[in-house]
Amino acid sequence: MLSHLDAQGRPAMVNVGEKPVTRRTAHAVARVSLPAELAALLRDGDIATKKGAVFQTAILAGVMGAKKTSDLIPLCHPLPLDDCQIEISTADGGREVTIHCRAQTHARTGVEMEALTGATVAALTLYDMGKAVSHGIVIREVKLLEKTGGKSDYQAQP
């Protein structure tokens, strides 16, 4: 049975009140493909636009998104983030962008939704800021790479 459905199959928040507070971590990644014309603008470093420096703005947006996860995903518990780090790197002449989001908390539930949301919001921000150059930006993949804490740990297979 899915954890967010009650016995009658209705949406329900998971009761975590009896769980112990433990250190929880999560690491998610988003991969974005940029069209050549946008990659060329970003290749020699971050460019400034009317909305600010592209990668720096995406990093800030990712952290803000992670902090707002429970406002965006209906059944997520609000979590106090101890840390949230976004790293952005490029490959293939700047055409491939990789966004890593690592989140950490001490709580009764996991922080993987915050890491996934942080990576996704950073990717969406790249799209928003780059769309003036091209709408050919593709957010290809968002996935959880690792989580620790709680009753089980998880590590994605390479």
N, C-alpha and C. Protein backbone atom coordinates (compact mmCIF):
# COMPACT_ATOMS: atom_id res chain seq x y z
N MET A 1 0.84 -1.19 0.00
CA MET A 1 0.00 0.00 0.00
C MET A 1 0.89 1.25 0.00
N LEU A 2 0.47 2.25 -0.72
CA LEU A 2 1.21 3.51 -0.76
C LEU A 2 1.09 4.21 0.59
N SER A 3 2.18 4.84 1.01
CA SER A 3 2.23 5.44 2.34
C SER A 3 1.30 6.64 2.52
N HIS A 4 0.92 7.30 1.45
CA HIS A 4 0.11 8.51 1.56
C HIS A 4 -1.37 8.27 1.25
N LEU A 5 -1.81 7.01 1.36
CA LEU A 5 -3.21 6.66 1.20
C LEU A 5 -3.68 5.97 2.47
N ASP A 6 -4.91 6.31 2.91
CA ASP A 6 -5.43 5.63 4.09
C ASP A 6 -6.06 4.30 3.68
N ALA A 7 -6.68 3.61 4.63
CA ALA A 7 -7.24 2.28 4.37
C ALA A 7 -8.34 2.31 3.31
N GLN A 8 -8.98 3.45 3.13
CA GLN A 8 -10.03 3.59 2.11
C GLN A 8 -9.48 4.12 0.77
N GLY A 9 -8.17 4.29 0.68
CA GLY A 9 -7.56 4.76 -0.56
C GLY A 9 -7.60 6.27 -0.74
N ARG A 10 -7.89 7.01 0.32
CA ARG A 10 -7.93 8.47 0.24
C ARG A 10 -6.56 9.05 0.60
N PRO A 11 -6.24 10.22 0.02
CA PRO A 11 -4.96 10.86 0.37
C PRO A 11 -4.91 11.17 1.87
N ALA A 12 -3.75 10.91 2.47
CA ALA A 12 -3.58 11.16 3.90
C ALA A 12 -2.12 11.44 4.20
N MET A 13 -1.88 12.38 5.11
CA MET A 13 -0.52 12.65 5.55
C MET A 13 -0.07 11.50 6.44
N VAL A 14 1.18 11.10 6.30
CA VAL A 14 1.74 10.05 7.13
C VAL A 14 1.96 10.59 8.54
N ASN A 15 1.54 9.85 9.54
CA ASN A 15 1.74 10.25 10.93
C ASN A 15 3.16 9.86 11.33
N VAL A 16 4.00 10.85 11.56
CA VAL A 16 5.39 10.60 11.95
C VAL A 16 5.64 10.93 13.41
N GLY A 17 4.56 11.19 14.16
CA GLY A 17 4.68 11.64 15.53
C GLY A 17 5.42 10.70 16.46
N GLU A 18 5.38 9.41 16.19
CA GLU A 18 6.04 8.44 17.06
C GLU A 18 7.46 8.09 16.59
N LYS A 19 7.85 8.58 15.43
CA LYS A 19 9.19 8.29 14.93
C LYS A 19 10.24 9.10 15.69
N PRO A 20 11.43 8.55 15.85
CA PRO A 20 12.49 9.34 16.51
C PRO A 20 13.06 10.40 15.57
N VAL A 21 13.52 11.48 16.14
CA VAL A 21 14.23 12.51 15.39
C VAL A 21 15.64 11.98 15.12
N THR A 22 16.01 11.90 13.85
CA THR A 22 17.35 11.45 13.47
C THR A 22 17.88 12.37 12.38
N ARG A 23 19.17 12.26 12.13
CA ARG A 23 19.80 13.01 11.04
C ARG A 23 19.39 12.38 9.73
N ARG A 24 18.90 13.18 8.82
CA ARG A 24 18.45 12.72 7.50
C ARG A 24 19.18 13.52 6.43
N THR A 25 19.64 12.84 5.40
CA THR A 25 20.29 13.51 4.27
C THR A 25 19.70 13.00 2.97
N ALA A 26 19.80 13.79 1.93
CA ALA A 26 19.39 13.36 0.60
C ALA A 26 20.20 14.11 -0.44
N HIS A 27 20.43 13.44 -1.55
CA HIS A 27 21.19 14.00 -2.67
C HIS A 27 20.41 13.69 -3.94
N ALA A 28 19.99 14.74 -4.64
CA ALA A 28 19.25 14.59 -5.89
C ALA A 28 20.01 15.30 -7.00
N VAL A 29 19.69 14.91 -8.23
CA VAL A 29 20.34 15.51 -9.40
C VAL A 29 19.28 15.82 -10.45
N ALA A 30 19.51 16.92 -11.18
CA ALA A 30 18.71 17.25 -12.36
C ALA A 30 19.69 17.46 -13.51
N ARG A 31 19.32 16.97 -14.66
CA ARG A 31 20.16 17.14 -15.85
C ARG A 31 19.38 17.93 -16.89
N VAL A 32 20.06 18.93 -17.46
CA VAL A 32 19.42 19.84 -18.40
C VAL A 32 20.27 19.92 -19.65
N SER A 33 19.63 19.79 -20.80
CA SER A 33 20.32 19.97 -22.08
C SER A 33 20.00 21.36 -22.62
N LEU A 34 21.06 22.09 -22.99
CA LEU A 34 20.91 23.44 -23.52
C LEU A 34 21.16 23.44 -25.02
N PRO A 35 20.41 24.23 -25.76
CA PRO A 35 20.71 24.39 -27.18
C PRO A 35 22.04 25.11 -27.36
N ALA A 36 22.65 24.93 -28.50
CA ALA A 36 23.99 25.45 -28.76
C ALA A 36 24.10 26.95 -28.53
N GLU A 37 23.09 27.72 -28.97
CA GLU A 37 23.19 29.17 -28.85
C GLU A 37 23.19 29.63 -27.38
N LEU A 38 22.44 28.97 -26.52
CA LEU A 38 22.45 29.31 -25.10
C LEU A 38 23.73 28.83 -24.44
N ALA A 39 24.16 27.61 -24.78
CA ALA A 39 25.41 27.08 -24.22
C ALA A 39 26.58 28.00 -24.56
N ALA A 40 26.58 28.56 -25.77
CA ALA A 40 27.67 29.46 -26.17
C ALA A 40 27.70 30.70 -25.28
N LEU A 41 26.55 31.21 -24.89
CA LEU A 41 26.51 32.39 -24.02
C LEU A 41 27.02 32.07 -22.62
N LEU A 42 26.79 30.85 -22.16
CA LEU A 42 27.18 30.45 -20.81
C LEU A 42 28.58 29.83 -20.75
N ARG A 43 29.13 29.46 -21.89
CA ARG A 43 30.38 28.69 -21.95
C ARG A 43 31.54 29.34 -21.21
N ASP A 44 31.70 30.63 -21.36
CA ASP A 44 32.83 31.32 -20.76
C ASP A 44 32.53 31.80 -19.34
N GLY A 45 31.54 31.23 -18.73
CA GLY A 45 31.16 31.63 -17.39
C GLY A 45 29.74 32.14 -17.40
N ASP A 46 29.24 32.42 -16.24
CA ASP A 46 27.87 32.87 -16.08
C ASP A 46 27.66 34.22 -16.76
N ILE A 47 26.51 34.38 -17.42
CA ILE A 47 26.19 35.67 -18.03
C ILE A 47 25.13 36.37 -17.20
N ALA A 48 25.08 37.66 -17.32
CA ALA A 48 24.05 38.43 -16.61
C ALA A 48 22.87 38.65 -17.55
N THR A 49 21.70 38.55 -17.01
CA THR A 49 20.47 38.85 -17.74
C THR A 49 19.69 39.85 -16.91
N LYS A 50 18.51 40.23 -17.41
CA LYS A 50 17.66 41.14 -16.65
C LYS A 50 17.28 40.54 -15.30
N LYS A 51 17.29 39.20 -15.19
CA LYS A 51 16.90 38.53 -13.95
C LYS A 51 18.10 38.19 -13.07
N GLY A 52 19.30 38.57 -13.45
CA GLY A 52 20.49 38.29 -12.65
C GLY A 52 21.36 37.25 -13.31
N ALA A 53 22.47 36.95 -12.66
CA ALA A 53 23.38 35.94 -13.18
C ALA A 53 22.67 34.59 -13.19
N VAL A 54 22.71 33.89 -14.30
CA VAL A 54 21.89 32.70 -14.52
C VAL A 54 22.16 31.60 -13.50
N PHE A 55 23.38 31.12 -13.39
CA PHE A 55 23.65 30.00 -12.48
C PHE A 55 23.47 30.39 -11.02
N GLN A 56 23.90 31.60 -10.66
CA GLN A 56 23.73 32.04 -9.27
C GLN A 56 22.26 32.18 -8.91
N THR A 57 21.46 32.67 -9.84
CA THR A 57 20.02 32.77 -9.60
C THR A 57 19.40 31.39 -9.46
N ALA A 58 19.82 30.44 -10.30
CA ALA A 58 19.30 29.08 -10.21
C ALA A 58 19.66 28.43 -8.87
N ILE A 59 20.86 28.70 -8.38
CA ILE A 59 21.27 28.16 -7.07
C ILE A 59 20.38 28.72 -5.97
N LEU A 60 20.17 30.01 -5.97
CA LEU A 60 19.31 30.62 -4.95
C LEU A 60 17.88 30.10 -5.06
N ALA A 61 17.37 29.98 -6.27
CA ALA A 61 16.01 29.48 -6.47
C ALA A 61 15.88 28.03 -5.98
N GLY A 62 16.91 27.23 -6.23
CA GLY A 62 16.89 25.84 -5.78
C GLY A 62 16.81 25.73 -4.27
N VAL A 63 17.60 26.53 -3.57
CA VAL A 63 17.56 26.53 -2.10
C VAL A 63 16.18 27.00 -1.63
N MET A 64 15.67 28.06 -2.24
CA MET A 64 14.35 28.55 -1.85
C MET A 64 13.27 27.51 -2.12
N GLY A 65 13.37 26.81 -3.24
CA GLY A 65 12.41 25.75 -3.56
C GLY A 65 12.45 24.63 -2.55
N ALA A 66 13.65 24.21 -2.16
CA ALA A 66 13.78 23.15 -1.16
C ALA A 66 13.11 23.58 0.15
N LYS A 67 13.30 24.83 0.53
CA LYS A 67 12.71 25.34 1.77
C LYS A 67 11.18 25.40 1.70
N LYS A 68 10.62 25.49 0.51
CA LYS A 68 9.16 25.61 0.33
C LYS A 68 8.50 24.30 -0.09
N THR A 69 9.20 23.19 -0.01
CA THR A 69 8.67 21.91 -0.50
C THR A 69 7.29 21.59 0.06
N SER A 70 7.10 21.74 1.35
CA SER A 70 5.80 21.38 1.94
C SER A 70 4.67 22.30 1.48
N ASP A 71 5.01 23.48 0.95
CA ASP A 71 3.98 24.36 0.38
C ASP A 71 3.61 23.93 -1.04
N LEU A 72 4.49 23.17 -1.69
CA LEU A 72 4.28 22.77 -3.09
C LEU A 72 3.73 21.35 -3.23
N ILE A 73 4.16 20.45 -2.37
CA ILE A 73 3.76 19.04 -2.44
C ILE A 73 2.76 18.81 -1.30
N PRO A 74 1.50 18.51 -1.61
CA PRO A 74 0.43 18.56 -0.62
C PRO A 74 0.65 17.78 0.68
N LEU A 75 1.22 16.61 0.66
CA LEU A 75 1.28 15.79 1.87
C LEU A 75 2.66 15.75 2.51
N CYS A 76 3.58 16.62 2.06
CA CYS A 76 4.91 16.68 2.67
C CYS A 76 4.85 17.42 3.99
N HIS A 77 5.58 16.91 4.96
CA HIS A 77 5.70 17.59 6.24
C HIS A 77 6.65 18.78 6.10
N PRO A 78 6.37 19.88 6.77
CA PRO A 78 7.35 20.97 6.76
C PRO A 78 8.58 20.56 7.57
N LEU A 79 9.74 20.74 6.99
CA LEU A 79 10.98 20.34 7.66
C LEU A 79 11.90 21.53 7.85
N PRO A 80 12.56 21.60 9.00
CA PRO A 80 13.59 22.62 9.17
C PRO A 80 14.88 22.11 8.52
N LEU A 81 15.31 22.75 7.48
CA LEU A 81 16.55 22.32 6.82
C LEU A 81 17.75 22.80 7.61
N ASP A 82 18.64 21.88 7.94
CA ASP A 82 19.91 22.24 8.57
C ASP A 82 20.88 22.76 7.52
N ASP A 83 20.75 22.24 6.29
CA ASP A 83 21.65 22.63 5.21
C ASP A 83 21.01 22.29 3.88
N CYS A 84 21.29 23.10 2.88
CA CYS A 84 20.88 22.81 1.51
C CYS A 84 21.93 23.43 0.60
N GLN A 85 22.58 22.60 -0.19
CA GLN A 85 23.64 23.05 -1.09
C GLN A 85 23.29 22.67 -2.53
N ILE A 86 23.39 23.63 -3.42
CA ILE A 86 23.17 23.40 -4.85
C ILE A 86 24.50 23.62 -5.56
N GLU A 87 24.88 22.67 -6.40
CA GLU A 87 26.09 22.80 -7.23
C GLU A 87 25.70 22.61 -8.68
N ILE A 88 26.22 23.46 -9.55
CA ILE A 88 25.92 23.38 -10.98
C ILE A 88 27.23 23.22 -11.73
N SER A 89 27.26 22.22 -12.61
CA SER A 89 28.43 22.01 -13.47
C SER A 89 27.96 21.80 -14.91
N THR A 90 28.90 22.00 -15.84
CA THR A 90 28.58 21.83 -17.26
C THR A 90 29.56 20.85 -17.90
N ALA A 91 29.11 20.27 -19.00
CA ALA A 91 29.94 19.36 -19.80
C ALA A 91 29.52 19.54 -21.26
N ASP A 92 30.24 18.88 -22.14
CA ASP A 92 29.93 18.90 -23.58
C ASP A 92 29.85 20.33 -24.11
N GLY A 93 30.88 21.12 -23.79
CA GLY A 93 30.92 22.49 -24.28
C GLY A 93 29.82 23.37 -23.70
N GLY A 94 29.31 23.01 -22.54
CA GLY A 94 28.27 23.79 -21.89
C GLY A 94 26.86 23.36 -22.25
N ARG A 95 26.74 22.37 -23.13
CA ARG A 95 25.40 21.93 -23.57
C ARG A 95 24.70 21.05 -22.55
N GLU A 96 25.47 20.41 -21.68
CA GLU A 96 24.89 19.56 -20.65
C GLU A 96 25.14 20.18 -19.28
N VAL A 97 24.08 20.46 -18.56
CA VAL A 97 24.17 21.06 -17.23
C VAL A 97 23.70 20.03 -16.21
N THR A 98 24.48 19.87 -15.15
CA THR A 98 24.12 18.96 -14.07
C THR A 98 23.96 19.78 -12.80
N ILE A 99 22.83 19.59 -12.16
CA ILE A 99 22.50 20.32 -10.93
C ILE A 99 22.39 19.30 -9.80
N HIS A 100 23.24 19.44 -8.80
CA HIS A 100 23.18 18.57 -7.62
C HIS A 100 22.59 19.37 -6.46
N CYS A 101 21.66 18.76 -5.75
CA CYS A 101 21.10 19.36 -4.54
C CYS A 101 21.28 18.38 -3.40
N ARG A 102 21.96 18.84 -2.35
CA ARG A 102 22.15 18.04 -1.14
C ARG A 102 21.45 18.75 0.01
N ALA A 103 20.56 18.02 0.69
CA ALA A 103 19.80 18.60 1.79
C ALA A 103 20.01 17.76 3.05
N GLN A 104 19.91 18.44 4.20
CA GLN A 104 20.12 17.76 5.48
C GLN A 104 19.18 18.35 6.52
N THR A 105 18.68 17.48 7.39
CA THR A 105 17.83 17.91 8.50
C THR A 105 17.97 16.94 9.66
N HIS A 106 17.50 17.33 10.80
CA HIS A 106 17.27 16.44 11.94
C HIS A 106 15.76 16.45 12.14
N ALA A 107 15.10 15.35 11.79
CA ALA A 107 13.64 15.33 11.79
C ALA A 107 13.13 13.89 11.93
N ARG A 108 11.80 13.77 11.90
CA ARG A 108 11.14 12.46 12.00
C ARG A 108 10.85 11.85 10.63
N THR A 109 11.14 12.58 9.57
CA THR A 109 10.87 12.09 8.23
C THR A 109 12.00 12.53 7.30
N GLY A 110 12.09 11.88 6.16
CA GLY A 110 13.20 12.10 5.24
C GLY A 110 13.15 13.44 4.52
N VAL A 111 14.29 13.78 3.93
CA VAL A 111 14.48 15.07 3.29
C VAL A 111 14.66 14.92 1.78
N GLU A 112 14.31 13.74 1.25
CA GLU A 112 14.51 13.52 -0.19
C GLU A 112 13.61 14.39 -1.06
N MET A 113 12.40 14.69 -0.61
CA MET A 113 11.53 15.56 -1.41
C MET A 113 12.11 16.97 -1.50
N GLU A 114 12.76 17.43 -0.44
CA GLU A 114 13.40 18.74 -0.47
C GLU A 114 14.56 18.76 -1.45
N ALA A 115 15.36 17.70 -1.47
CA ALA A 115 16.48 17.64 -2.41
C ALA A 115 15.97 17.57 -3.86
N LEU A 116 14.94 16.78 -4.10
CA LEU A 116 14.37 16.68 -5.44
C LEU A 116 13.75 18.01 -5.88
N THR A 117 13.07 18.67 -4.97
CA THR A 117 12.46 19.96 -5.29
C THR A 117 13.53 21.01 -5.56
N GLY A 118 14.58 21.03 -4.75
CA GLY A 118 15.67 21.99 -4.96
C GLY A 118 16.31 21.84 -6.33
N ALA A 119 16.60 20.61 -6.72
CA ALA A 119 17.21 20.36 -8.04
C ALA A 119 16.25 20.76 -9.16
N THR A 120 14.98 20.44 -8.99
CA THR A 120 13.98 20.74 -10.02
C THR A 120 13.78 22.24 -10.17
N VAL A 121 13.65 22.96 -9.08
CA VAL A 121 13.43 24.41 -9.15
C VAL A 121 14.65 25.10 -9.76
N ALA A 122 15.85 24.63 -9.45
CA ALA A 122 17.05 25.20 -10.08
C ALA A 122 17.00 24.97 -11.59
N ALA A 123 16.60 23.77 -12.02
CA ALA A 123 16.50 23.47 -13.45
C ALA A 123 15.43 24.34 -14.12
N LEU A 124 14.29 24.50 -13.46
CA LEU A 124 13.23 25.35 -14.02
C LEU A 124 13.69 26.80 -14.13
N THR A 125 14.50 27.24 -13.20
CA THR A 125 15.03 28.61 -13.24
C THR A 125 15.97 28.78 -14.42
N LEU A 126 16.80 27.76 -14.69
CA LEU A 126 17.65 27.82 -15.90
C LEU A 126 16.77 27.95 -17.14
N TYR A 127 15.69 27.18 -17.18
CA TYR A 127 14.78 27.27 -18.32
C TYR A 127 14.20 28.68 -18.43
N ASP A 128 13.68 29.19 -17.33
CA ASP A 128 13.06 30.51 -17.34
C ASP A 128 14.02 31.59 -17.81
N MET A 129 15.25 31.53 -17.34
CA MET A 129 16.20 32.56 -17.69
C MET A 129 16.77 32.39 -19.09
N GLY A 130 16.78 31.16 -19.59
CA GLY A 130 17.33 30.91 -20.91
C GLY A 130 16.33 30.95 -22.05
N LYS A 131 15.04 30.94 -21.74
CA LYS A 131 14.02 30.86 -22.78
C LYS A 131 14.01 32.06 -23.73
N ALA A 132 14.57 33.19 -23.30
CA ALA A 132 14.65 34.34 -24.20
C ALA A 132 15.58 34.06 -25.38
N VAL A 133 16.54 33.15 -25.16
CA VAL A 133 17.47 32.76 -26.21
C VAL A 133 16.90 31.61 -27.02
N SER A 134 16.32 30.62 -26.31
CA SER A 134 15.76 29.44 -26.99
C SER A 134 14.82 28.69 -26.06
N HIS A 135 13.72 28.22 -26.63
CA HIS A 135 12.80 27.35 -25.89
C HIS A 135 13.20 25.88 -26.03
N GLY A 136 14.35 25.62 -26.66
CA GLY A 136 14.82 24.26 -26.87
C GLY A 136 15.54 23.65 -25.68
N ILE A 137 15.43 24.26 -24.53
CA ILE A 137 16.03 23.72 -23.30
C ILE A 137 15.22 22.50 -22.87
N VAL A 138 15.92 21.43 -22.50
CA VAL A 138 15.23 20.20 -22.10
C VAL A 138 15.70 19.79 -20.71
N ILE A 139 14.76 19.72 -19.78
CA ILE A 139 15.04 19.15 -18.46
C ILE A 139 14.82 17.65 -18.64
N ARG A 140 15.94 16.92 -18.69
CA ARG A 140 15.89 15.52 -19.09
C ARG A 140 15.60 14.56 -17.96
N GLU A 141 16.10 14.88 -16.80
CA GLU A 141 16.06 13.88 -15.74
C GLU A 141 16.18 14.55 -14.38
N VAL A 142 15.36 14.11 -13.46
CA VAL A 142 15.49 14.50 -12.06
C VAL A 142 15.36 13.20 -11.27
N LYS A 143 16.35 12.92 -10.42
CA LYS A 143 16.26 11.67 -9.65
C LYS A 143 17.01 11.77 -8.34
N LEU A 144 16.59 10.91 -7.42
CA LEU A 144 17.25 10.80 -6.14
C LEU A 144 18.47 9.89 -6.31
N LEU A 145 19.62 10.37 -5.86
CA LEU A 145 20.84 9.57 -5.92
C LEU A 145 21.10 8.83 -4.61
N GLU A 146 20.75 9.48 -3.50
CA GLU A 146 21.08 8.87 -2.21
C GLU A 146 20.22 9.50 -1.12
N LYS A 147 19.88 8.69 -0.12
CA LYS A 147 19.26 9.20 1.10
C LYS A 147 19.77 8.40 2.27
N THR A 148 19.92 9.05 3.41
CA THR A 148 20.33 8.37 4.63
C THR A 148 19.42 8.81 5.76
N GLY A 149 19.35 7.96 6.77
CA GLY A 149 18.53 8.24 7.95
C GLY A 149 17.19 7.54 7.85
N GLY A 150 16.53 7.47 8.98
CA GLY A 150 15.24 6.78 9.00
C GLY A 150 15.42 5.28 9.04
N LYS A 151 14.38 4.55 8.61
CA LYS A 151 14.46 3.09 8.71
C LYS A 151 15.27 2.44 7.60
N SER A 152 15.55 3.17 6.52
CA SER A 152 16.38 2.57 5.48
C SER A 152 17.14 3.66 4.72
N ASP A 153 18.31 3.29 4.25
CA ASP A 153 19.12 4.17 3.39
C ASP A 153 18.87 3.75 1.96
N TYR A 154 19.23 4.63 1.02
CA TYR A 154 19.03 4.34 -0.40
C TYR A 154 20.22 4.89 -1.16
N GLN A 155 20.69 4.14 -2.14
CA GLN A 155 21.73 4.61 -3.05
C GLN A 155 21.34 4.13 -4.45
N ALA A 156 21.21 5.06 -5.39
CA ALA A 156 20.87 4.71 -6.77
C ALA A 156 21.98 3.87 -7.37
N GLN A 157 21.60 2.96 -8.22
CA GLN A 157 22.57 2.14 -8.94
C GLN A 157 23.14 2.97 -10.09
N PRO A 158 24.45 2.86 -10.32
CA PRO A 158 25.06 3.64 -11.42
C PRO A 158 24.56 3.20 -12.78
